[in-house]
Amino acid sequence: MQEILVAVDGSEASKRALLFALKIAKSMSLKVSVITVIQSRLQGYRAGYFSFVDRHILQELRDFGKKVLDEAEEVGKKEGVTLGTHLLETENEVYEEIVDFLSKSKDIWLLVLGSFGHSLRDRIILGSTTQRVLFEIGRRNLSVPVVVVP
């Protein structure tokens, strides 16, 4: 069965992306999978010894990710759509994990993203994760359409 993949992070844009995906799924009788990604390692070449996230902070990130997915499930129930949820943990970049998940599933018909996560949005059109997801999908020559919701 074809499905829509939505990447959420708890931001307002990702909440709007979820609502958009649910409307499409409901009208077309599609399944919806929702993912959120947490990083278990800090990025950057200067992180060195400090690159691994403290276990207490990591647990807080896991708890937050679970909360985001629980909220998504509640929204899905209100809209009459059952969701599959996935909390992904990675040492890589968030965008890589999103595209890896997308590339491994043969049933994903559409990817829906919010335009911005929790980053500053003063002078740019898209958030960095969204930009990188779009670039990586093109680089890997994946044929899944992407909708970016403001």
N, C-alpha and C. Protein backbone atom coordinates (compact mmCIF):
# COMPACT_ATOMS: atom_id res chain seq x y z
N MET A 1 0.84 -1.19 0.00
CA MET A 1 0.00 0.00 0.00
C MET A 1 0.88 1.25 0.00
N GLN A 2 0.52 2.21 -0.81
CA GLN A 2 1.30 3.45 -0.86
C GLN A 2 1.10 4.25 0.41
N GLU A 3 2.16 5.00 0.76
CA GLU A 3 2.06 5.80 1.98
C GLU A 3 2.76 7.14 1.82
N ILE A 4 2.41 8.02 2.74
CA ILE A 4 3.02 9.34 2.82
C ILE A 4 3.95 9.33 4.02
N LEU A 5 5.15 9.85 3.84
CA LEU A 5 6.10 9.98 4.93
C LEU A 5 6.16 11.44 5.35
N VAL A 6 6.02 11.68 6.65
CA VAL A 6 6.11 13.03 7.20
C VAL A 6 7.22 13.05 8.24
N ALA A 7 8.15 13.99 8.10
CA ALA A 7 9.21 14.17 9.10
C ALA A 7 8.78 15.33 10.00
N VAL A 8 8.74 15.07 11.31
CA VAL A 8 8.30 16.09 12.26
C VAL A 8 9.37 16.31 13.33
N ASP A 9 9.37 17.53 13.87
CA ASP A 9 10.30 17.86 14.95
C ASP A 9 9.63 18.67 16.06
N GLY A 10 8.31 18.78 16.01
CA GLY A 10 7.59 19.54 17.03
C GLY A 10 7.42 21.01 16.69
N SER A 11 8.03 21.47 15.62
CA SER A 11 7.91 22.88 15.22
C SER A 11 6.53 23.12 14.61
N GLU A 12 6.15 24.38 14.55
CA GLU A 12 4.85 24.73 13.97
C GLU A 12 4.77 24.32 12.50
N ALA A 13 5.86 24.50 11.77
CA ALA A 13 5.85 24.11 10.35
C ALA A 13 5.67 22.61 10.19
N SER A 14 6.28 21.81 11.06
CA SER A 14 6.12 20.36 10.94
C SER A 14 4.71 19.94 11.35
N LYS A 15 4.08 20.67 12.26
CA LYS A 15 2.68 20.38 12.61
C LYS A 15 1.77 20.67 11.43
N ARG A 16 2.04 21.75 10.72
CA ARG A 16 1.26 22.06 9.52
C ARG A 16 1.51 21.02 8.42
N ALA A 17 2.75 20.56 8.31
CA ALA A 17 3.08 19.52 7.33
C ALA A 17 2.30 18.24 7.63
N LEU A 18 2.19 17.89 8.91
CA LEU A 18 1.44 16.70 9.30
C LEU A 18 -0.03 16.85 8.91
N LEU A 19 -0.62 17.99 9.22
CA LEU A 19 -2.04 18.21 8.87
C LEU A 19 -2.25 18.12 7.36
N PHE A 20 -1.33 18.69 6.60
CA PHE A 20 -1.41 18.62 5.13
C PHE A 20 -1.37 17.16 4.67
N ALA A 21 -0.43 16.40 5.20
CA ALA A 21 -0.29 14.99 4.81
C ALA A 21 -1.53 14.19 5.19
N LEU A 22 -2.10 14.47 6.35
CA LEU A 22 -3.29 13.75 6.79
C LEU A 22 -4.48 14.02 5.87
N LYS A 23 -4.61 15.25 5.41
CA LYS A 23 -5.71 15.58 4.49
C LYS A 23 -5.56 14.81 3.18
N ILE A 24 -4.35 14.76 2.66
CA ILE A 24 -4.12 14.01 1.42
C ILE A 24 -4.38 12.53 1.66
N ALA A 25 -3.85 12.00 2.75
CA ALA A 25 -4.00 10.57 3.05
C ALA A 25 -5.47 10.19 3.19
N LYS A 26 -6.22 11.03 3.87
CA LYS A 26 -7.64 10.74 4.08
C LYS A 26 -8.39 10.75 2.75
N SER A 27 -8.10 11.72 1.91
CA SER A 27 -8.83 11.83 0.63
C SER A 27 -8.44 10.72 -0.35
N MET A 28 -7.25 10.16 -0.20
CA MET A 28 -6.78 9.14 -1.14
C MET A 28 -6.65 7.76 -0.51
N SER A 29 -7.09 7.62 0.74
CA SER A 29 -7.00 6.35 1.47
C SER A 29 -5.58 5.80 1.50
N LEU A 30 -4.64 6.67 1.87
CA LEU A 30 -3.24 6.28 1.97
C LEU A 30 -2.82 6.12 3.42
N LYS A 31 -1.80 5.35 3.64
CA LYS A 31 -1.20 5.19 4.95
C LYS A 31 -0.24 6.36 5.20
N VAL A 32 -0.05 6.71 6.47
CA VAL A 32 0.89 7.78 6.83
C VAL A 32 1.91 7.24 7.82
N SER A 33 3.18 7.47 7.53
CA SER A 33 4.26 7.17 8.47
C SER A 33 4.87 8.49 8.91
N VAL A 34 5.08 8.62 10.20
CA VAL A 34 5.65 9.84 10.77
C VAL A 34 6.96 9.48 11.43
N ILE A 35 8.01 10.25 11.10
CA ILE A 35 9.30 10.01 11.73
C ILE A 35 9.78 11.28 12.42
N THR A 36 10.54 11.08 13.47
CA THR A 36 11.31 12.16 14.07
C THR A 36 12.70 11.60 14.33
N VAL A 37 13.69 12.44 14.21
CA VAL A 37 15.08 11.99 14.29
C VAL A 37 15.79 12.72 15.41
N ILE A 38 16.50 11.96 16.25
CA ILE A 38 17.35 12.59 17.27
C ILE A 38 18.79 12.19 17.00
N GLN A 39 19.68 13.11 17.31
CA GLN A 39 21.11 12.85 17.12
C GLN A 39 21.74 12.42 18.44
N SER A 40 22.45 11.30 18.41
CA SER A 40 23.13 10.80 19.60
C SER A 40 24.58 11.26 19.64
N ARG A 41 24.93 12.11 18.70
CA ARG A 41 26.30 12.61 18.62
C ARG A 41 26.27 14.02 18.06
N LEU A 42 27.07 14.90 18.63
CA LEU A 42 27.16 16.26 18.13
C LEU A 42 27.99 16.26 16.86
N GLN A 43 27.67 17.14 15.95
CA GLN A 43 28.39 17.22 14.68
C GLN A 43 29.45 18.31 14.74
N GLY A 44 30.44 18.18 13.91
CA GLY A 44 31.49 19.20 13.83
C GLY A 44 32.84 18.60 14.17
N TYR A 45 33.84 18.98 13.42
CA TYR A 45 35.16 18.37 13.59
C TYR A 45 35.82 18.77 14.90
N ARG A 46 35.39 19.86 15.52
CA ARG A 46 36.01 20.29 16.78
C ARG A 46 35.35 19.67 18.00
N ALA A 47 34.30 18.90 17.81
CA ALA A 47 33.59 18.33 18.95
C ALA A 47 34.48 17.34 19.70
N GLY A 48 35.30 16.56 18.98
CA GLY A 48 36.25 15.63 19.60
C GLY A 48 35.64 14.78 20.69
N TYR A 49 36.26 14.80 21.86
CA TYR A 49 35.82 14.01 23.00
C TYR A 49 34.37 14.33 23.36
N PHE A 50 33.98 15.57 23.16
CA PHE A 50 32.65 16.02 23.57
C PHE A 50 31.59 15.74 22.51
N SER A 51 31.95 14.99 21.49
CA SER A 51 31.00 14.76 20.40
C SER A 51 29.83 13.87 20.81
N PHE A 52 30.01 13.03 21.81
CA PHE A 52 28.92 12.18 22.24
C PHE A 52 28.04 12.92 23.23
N VAL A 53 26.74 12.82 23.04
CA VAL A 53 25.78 13.51 23.88
C VAL A 53 25.69 12.79 25.22
N ASP A 54 25.69 13.55 26.30
CA ASP A 54 25.52 13.01 27.65
C ASP A 54 24.27 12.13 27.70
N ARG A 55 24.34 11.02 28.42
CA ARG A 55 23.22 10.07 28.44
C ARG A 55 21.94 10.68 28.98
N HIS A 56 22.06 11.65 29.90
CA HIS A 56 20.86 12.31 30.43
C HIS A 56 20.22 13.21 29.37
N ILE A 57 21.06 13.91 28.65
CA ILE A 57 20.56 14.76 27.56
C ILE A 57 19.95 13.88 26.47
N LEU A 58 20.62 12.77 26.17
CA LEU A 58 20.11 11.86 25.16
C LEU A 58 18.74 11.32 25.56
N GLN A 59 18.56 11.01 26.84
CA GLN A 59 17.26 10.53 27.30
C GLN A 59 16.20 11.62 27.17
N GLU A 60 16.58 12.87 27.45
CA GLU A 60 15.65 13.98 27.26
C GLU A 60 15.26 14.12 25.79
N LEU A 61 16.23 13.95 24.90
CA LEU A 61 15.93 14.00 23.46
C LEU A 61 14.98 12.87 23.06
N ARG A 62 15.22 11.68 23.59
CA ARG A 62 14.32 10.55 23.30
C ARG A 62 12.91 10.83 23.81
N ASP A 63 12.83 11.36 25.03
CA ASP A 63 11.52 11.69 25.61
C ASP A 63 10.80 12.73 24.76
N PHE A 64 11.55 13.74 24.32
CA PHE A 64 10.96 14.78 23.47
C PHE A 64 10.48 14.18 22.15
N GLY A 65 11.31 13.33 21.55
CA GLY A 65 10.92 12.69 20.29
C GLY A 65 9.66 11.85 20.45
N LYS A 66 9.58 11.12 21.56
CA LYS A 66 8.38 10.31 21.83
C LYS A 66 7.17 11.21 22.00
N LYS A 67 7.35 12.33 22.68
CA LYS A 67 6.24 13.29 22.87
C LYS A 67 5.76 13.83 21.52
N VAL A 68 6.69 14.18 20.66
CA VAL A 68 6.34 14.69 19.33
C VAL A 68 5.54 13.64 18.56
N LEU A 69 5.96 12.38 18.63
CA LEU A 69 5.25 11.32 17.91
C LEU A 69 3.89 11.02 18.54
N ASP A 70 3.81 11.07 19.87
CA ASP A 70 2.53 10.88 20.55
C ASP A 70 1.53 11.96 20.14
N GLU A 71 2.01 13.21 20.06
CA GLU A 71 1.16 14.31 19.63
C GLU A 71 0.70 14.11 18.19
N ALA A 72 1.59 13.62 17.34
CA ALA A 72 1.23 13.35 15.95
C ALA A 72 0.14 12.27 15.87
N GLU A 73 0.27 11.24 16.71
CA GLU A 73 -0.75 10.18 16.73
C GLU A 73 -2.11 10.72 17.15
N GLU A 74 -2.11 11.61 18.12
CA GLU A 74 -3.37 12.23 18.57
C GLU A 74 -4.01 13.03 17.44
N VAL A 75 -3.21 13.80 16.73
CA VAL A 75 -3.73 14.58 15.60
C VAL A 75 -4.29 13.63 14.54
N GLY A 76 -3.58 12.55 14.28
CA GLY A 76 -4.05 11.56 13.32
C GLY A 76 -5.39 10.97 13.72
N LYS A 77 -5.54 10.65 14.99
CA LYS A 77 -6.82 10.11 15.48
C LYS A 77 -7.95 11.10 15.28
N LYS A 78 -7.68 12.37 15.59
CA LYS A 78 -8.71 13.41 15.42
C LYS A 78 -9.12 13.54 13.96
N GLU A 79 -8.16 13.32 13.06
CA GLU A 79 -8.44 13.42 11.62
C GLU A 79 -8.93 12.10 11.03
N GLY A 80 -8.97 11.06 11.85
CA GLY A 80 -9.46 9.76 11.38
C GLY A 80 -8.45 8.97 10.57
N VAL A 81 -7.17 9.22 10.80
CA VAL A 81 -6.11 8.51 10.07
C VAL A 81 -5.18 7.84 11.08
N THR A 82 -4.94 6.55 10.89
CA THR A 82 -4.00 5.83 11.75
C THR A 82 -2.59 6.04 11.23
N LEU A 83 -1.69 6.35 12.15
CA LEU A 83 -0.31 6.63 11.77
C LEU A 83 0.62 5.51 12.22
N GLY A 84 1.66 5.30 11.45
CA GLY A 84 2.79 4.52 11.91
C GLY A 84 3.85 5.53 12.34
N THR A 85 4.43 5.36 13.52
CA THR A 85 5.42 6.33 14.00
C THR A 85 6.77 5.65 14.20
N HIS A 86 7.82 6.43 13.97
CA HIS A 86 9.18 5.90 14.08
C HIS A 86 10.09 6.95 14.72
N LEU A 87 10.68 6.60 15.85
CA LEU A 87 11.68 7.45 16.49
C LEU A 87 13.04 6.93 16.04
N LEU A 88 13.74 7.73 15.25
CA LEU A 88 15.03 7.32 14.71
C LEU A 88 16.15 8.02 15.47
N GLU A 89 17.18 7.27 15.76
CA GLU A 89 18.34 7.80 16.47
C GLU A 89 19.56 7.60 15.60
N THR A 90 20.36 8.64 15.46
CA THR A 90 21.50 8.54 14.55
C THR A 90 22.71 9.30 15.09
N GLU A 91 23.87 8.87 14.67
CA GLU A 91 25.10 9.63 14.93
C GLU A 91 25.40 10.54 13.74
N ASN A 92 24.65 10.38 12.67
CA ASN A 92 24.85 11.19 11.47
C ASN A 92 23.98 12.43 11.53
N GLU A 93 23.90 13.12 10.41
CA GLU A 93 23.05 14.30 10.31
C GLU A 93 21.59 13.86 10.18
N VAL A 94 20.69 14.71 10.66
CA VAL A 94 19.26 14.41 10.61
C VAL A 94 18.79 14.19 9.17
N TYR A 95 19.23 15.04 8.26
CA TYR A 95 18.77 14.92 6.87
C TYR A 95 19.17 13.57 6.27
N GLU A 96 20.35 13.05 6.64
CA GLU A 96 20.80 11.76 6.11
C GLU A 96 19.87 10.64 6.58
N GLU A 97 19.47 10.72 7.83
CA GLU A 97 18.59 9.68 8.38
C GLU A 97 17.22 9.72 7.71
N ILE A 98 16.71 10.92 7.45
CA ILE A 98 15.42 11.05 6.77
C ILE A 98 15.50 10.44 5.38
N VAL A 99 16.53 10.79 4.63
CA VAL A 99 16.67 10.28 3.26
C VAL A 99 16.97 8.78 3.26
N ASP A 100 17.74 8.29 4.22
CA ASP A 100 17.98 6.85 4.32
C ASP A 100 16.66 6.10 4.53
N PHE A 101 15.84 6.60 5.45
CA PHE A 101 14.54 5.98 5.72
C PHE A 101 13.69 5.98 4.45
N LEU A 102 13.67 7.10 3.78
CA LEU A 102 12.91 7.25 2.54
C LEU A 102 13.39 6.26 1.48
N SER A 103 14.69 6.13 1.33
CA SER A 103 15.24 5.28 0.27
C SER A 103 15.05 3.79 0.55
N LYS A 104 14.89 3.42 1.82
CA LYS A 104 14.73 2.00 2.17
C LYS A 104 13.29 1.51 2.03
N SER A 105 12.34 2.42 2.03
CA SER A 105 10.94 2.03 1.93
C SER A 105 10.47 2.14 0.48
N LYS A 106 9.95 1.06 -0.03
CA LYS A 106 9.48 1.04 -1.43
C LYS A 106 8.04 1.53 -1.56
N ASP A 107 7.35 1.73 -0.43
CA ASP A 107 5.94 2.11 -0.48
C ASP A 107 5.71 3.61 -0.36
N ILE A 108 6.75 4.38 -0.09
CA ILE A 108 6.55 5.82 0.12
C ILE A 108 6.27 6.49 -1.22
N TRP A 109 5.13 7.15 -1.27
CA TRP A 109 4.66 7.81 -2.48
C TRP A 109 4.97 9.30 -2.46
N LEU A 110 5.07 9.87 -1.24
CA LEU A 110 5.26 11.31 -1.08
C LEU A 110 5.95 11.59 0.25
N LEU A 111 6.87 12.54 0.24
CA LEU A 111 7.50 13.03 1.47
C LEU A 111 6.99 14.43 1.74
N VAL A 112 6.57 14.69 2.99
CA VAL A 112 6.08 16.01 3.37
C VAL A 112 6.95 16.52 4.52
N LEU A 113 7.45 17.75 4.35
CA LEU A 113 8.33 18.39 5.34
C LEU A 113 7.82 19.79 5.64
N GLY A 114 8.11 20.26 6.84
CA GLY A 114 7.90 21.67 7.15
C GLY A 114 9.07 22.46 6.59
N SER A 115 8.82 23.73 6.28
CA SER A 115 9.89 24.55 5.69
C SER A 115 10.99 24.86 6.69
N PHE A 116 10.64 24.95 7.96
CA PHE A 116 11.61 25.26 9.01
C PHE A 116 11.37 24.38 10.22
N GLY A 117 12.43 24.07 10.91
CA GLY A 117 12.32 23.39 12.19
C GLY A 117 12.44 24.41 13.29
N HIS A 118 13.37 24.18 14.16
CA HIS A 118 13.57 25.06 15.31
C HIS A 118 14.69 26.07 15.08
N SER A 119 15.09 26.26 13.83
CA SER A 119 16.18 27.18 13.54
C SER A 119 15.66 28.60 13.34
N LEU A 120 16.58 29.53 13.29
CA LEU A 120 16.21 30.91 12.98
C LEU A 120 15.81 30.99 11.53
N ARG A 121 14.86 31.86 11.22
CA ARG A 121 14.38 31.92 9.84
C ARG A 121 14.33 33.35 9.31
N ASP A 122 15.21 34.19 9.79
CA ASP A 122 15.18 35.60 9.41
C ASP A 122 15.47 35.84 7.93
N ARG A 123 16.57 35.30 7.43
CA ARG A 123 17.02 35.71 6.11
C ARG A 123 17.12 34.57 5.10
N ILE A 124 16.47 33.48 5.39
CA ILE A 124 16.56 32.35 4.47
C ILE A 124 15.17 31.85 4.10
N ILE A 125 15.08 31.15 2.99
CA ILE A 125 13.80 30.67 2.49
C ILE A 125 13.44 29.32 3.11
N LEU A 126 14.40 28.43 3.24
CA LEU A 126 14.18 27.10 3.81
C LEU A 126 15.15 26.85 4.94
N GLY A 127 14.73 26.05 5.90
CA GLY A 127 15.63 25.64 6.97
C GLY A 127 16.72 24.73 6.43
N SER A 128 17.80 24.62 7.17
CA SER A 128 18.95 23.85 6.69
C SER A 128 18.65 22.37 6.51
N THR A 129 17.89 21.77 7.41
CA THR A 129 17.58 20.35 7.26
C THR A 129 16.72 20.11 6.02
N THR A 130 15.72 20.96 5.82
CA THR A 130 14.86 20.82 4.64
C THR A 130 15.68 20.99 3.36
N GLN A 131 16.55 22.00 3.33
CA GLN A 131 17.41 22.19 2.15
C GLN A 131 18.26 20.96 1.89
N ARG A 132 18.85 20.43 2.94
CA ARG A 132 19.74 19.28 2.77
C ARG A 132 18.99 18.03 2.35
N VAL A 133 17.77 17.84 2.87
CA VAL A 133 16.96 16.70 2.43
C VAL A 133 16.70 16.80 0.93
N LEU A 134 16.28 17.98 0.47
CA LEU A 134 16.01 18.17 -0.95
C LEU A 134 17.25 17.91 -1.80
N PHE A 135 18.38 18.43 -1.36
CA PHE A 135 19.64 18.23 -2.09
C PHE A 135 20.00 16.74 -2.13
N GLU A 136 19.89 16.07 -0.99
CA GLU A 136 20.29 14.66 -0.91
C GLU A 136 19.37 13.76 -1.74
N ILE A 137 18.09 14.07 -1.77
CA ILE A 137 17.17 13.31 -2.62
C ILE A 137 17.58 13.45 -4.08
N GLY A 138 17.93 14.66 -4.49
CA GLY A 138 18.40 14.88 -5.85
C GLY A 138 19.72 14.19 -6.12
N ARG A 139 20.64 14.27 -5.16
CA ARG A 139 21.95 13.65 -5.33
C ARG A 139 21.84 12.14 -5.48
N ARG A 140 20.93 11.54 -4.73
CA ARG A 140 20.74 10.09 -4.81
C ARG A 140 19.80 9.68 -5.94
N ASN A 141 19.28 10.67 -6.65
CA ASN A 141 18.39 10.42 -7.78
C ASN A 141 17.16 9.61 -7.38
N LEU A 142 16.58 9.94 -6.23
CA LEU A 142 15.35 9.30 -5.78
C LEU A 142 14.16 9.95 -6.48
N SER A 143 13.15 9.18 -6.77
CA SER A 143 12.03 9.69 -7.55
C SER A 143 10.78 9.97 -6.72
N VAL A 144 10.95 10.20 -5.44
CA VAL A 144 9.81 10.49 -4.56
C VAL A 144 9.55 12.00 -4.55
N PRO A 145 8.32 12.41 -4.86
CA PRO A 145 8.01 13.84 -4.80
C PRO A 145 8.06 14.34 -3.35
N VAL A 146 8.38 15.62 -3.21
CA VAL A 146 8.48 16.24 -1.89
C VAL A 146 7.60 17.48 -1.86
N VAL A 147 6.82 17.61 -0.80
CA VAL A 147 6.04 18.82 -0.57
C VAL A 147 6.61 19.50 0.66
N VAL A 148 6.94 20.78 0.53
CA VAL A 148 7.44 21.57 1.65
C VAL A 148 6.33 22.52 2.07
N VAL A 149 5.91 22.40 3.32
CA VAL A 149 4.80 23.19 3.85
C VAL A 149 5.35 24.34 4.68
N PRO A 150 4.94 25.58 4.35
CA PRO A 150 5.45 26.74 5.12
C PRO A 150 4.89 26.80 6.54
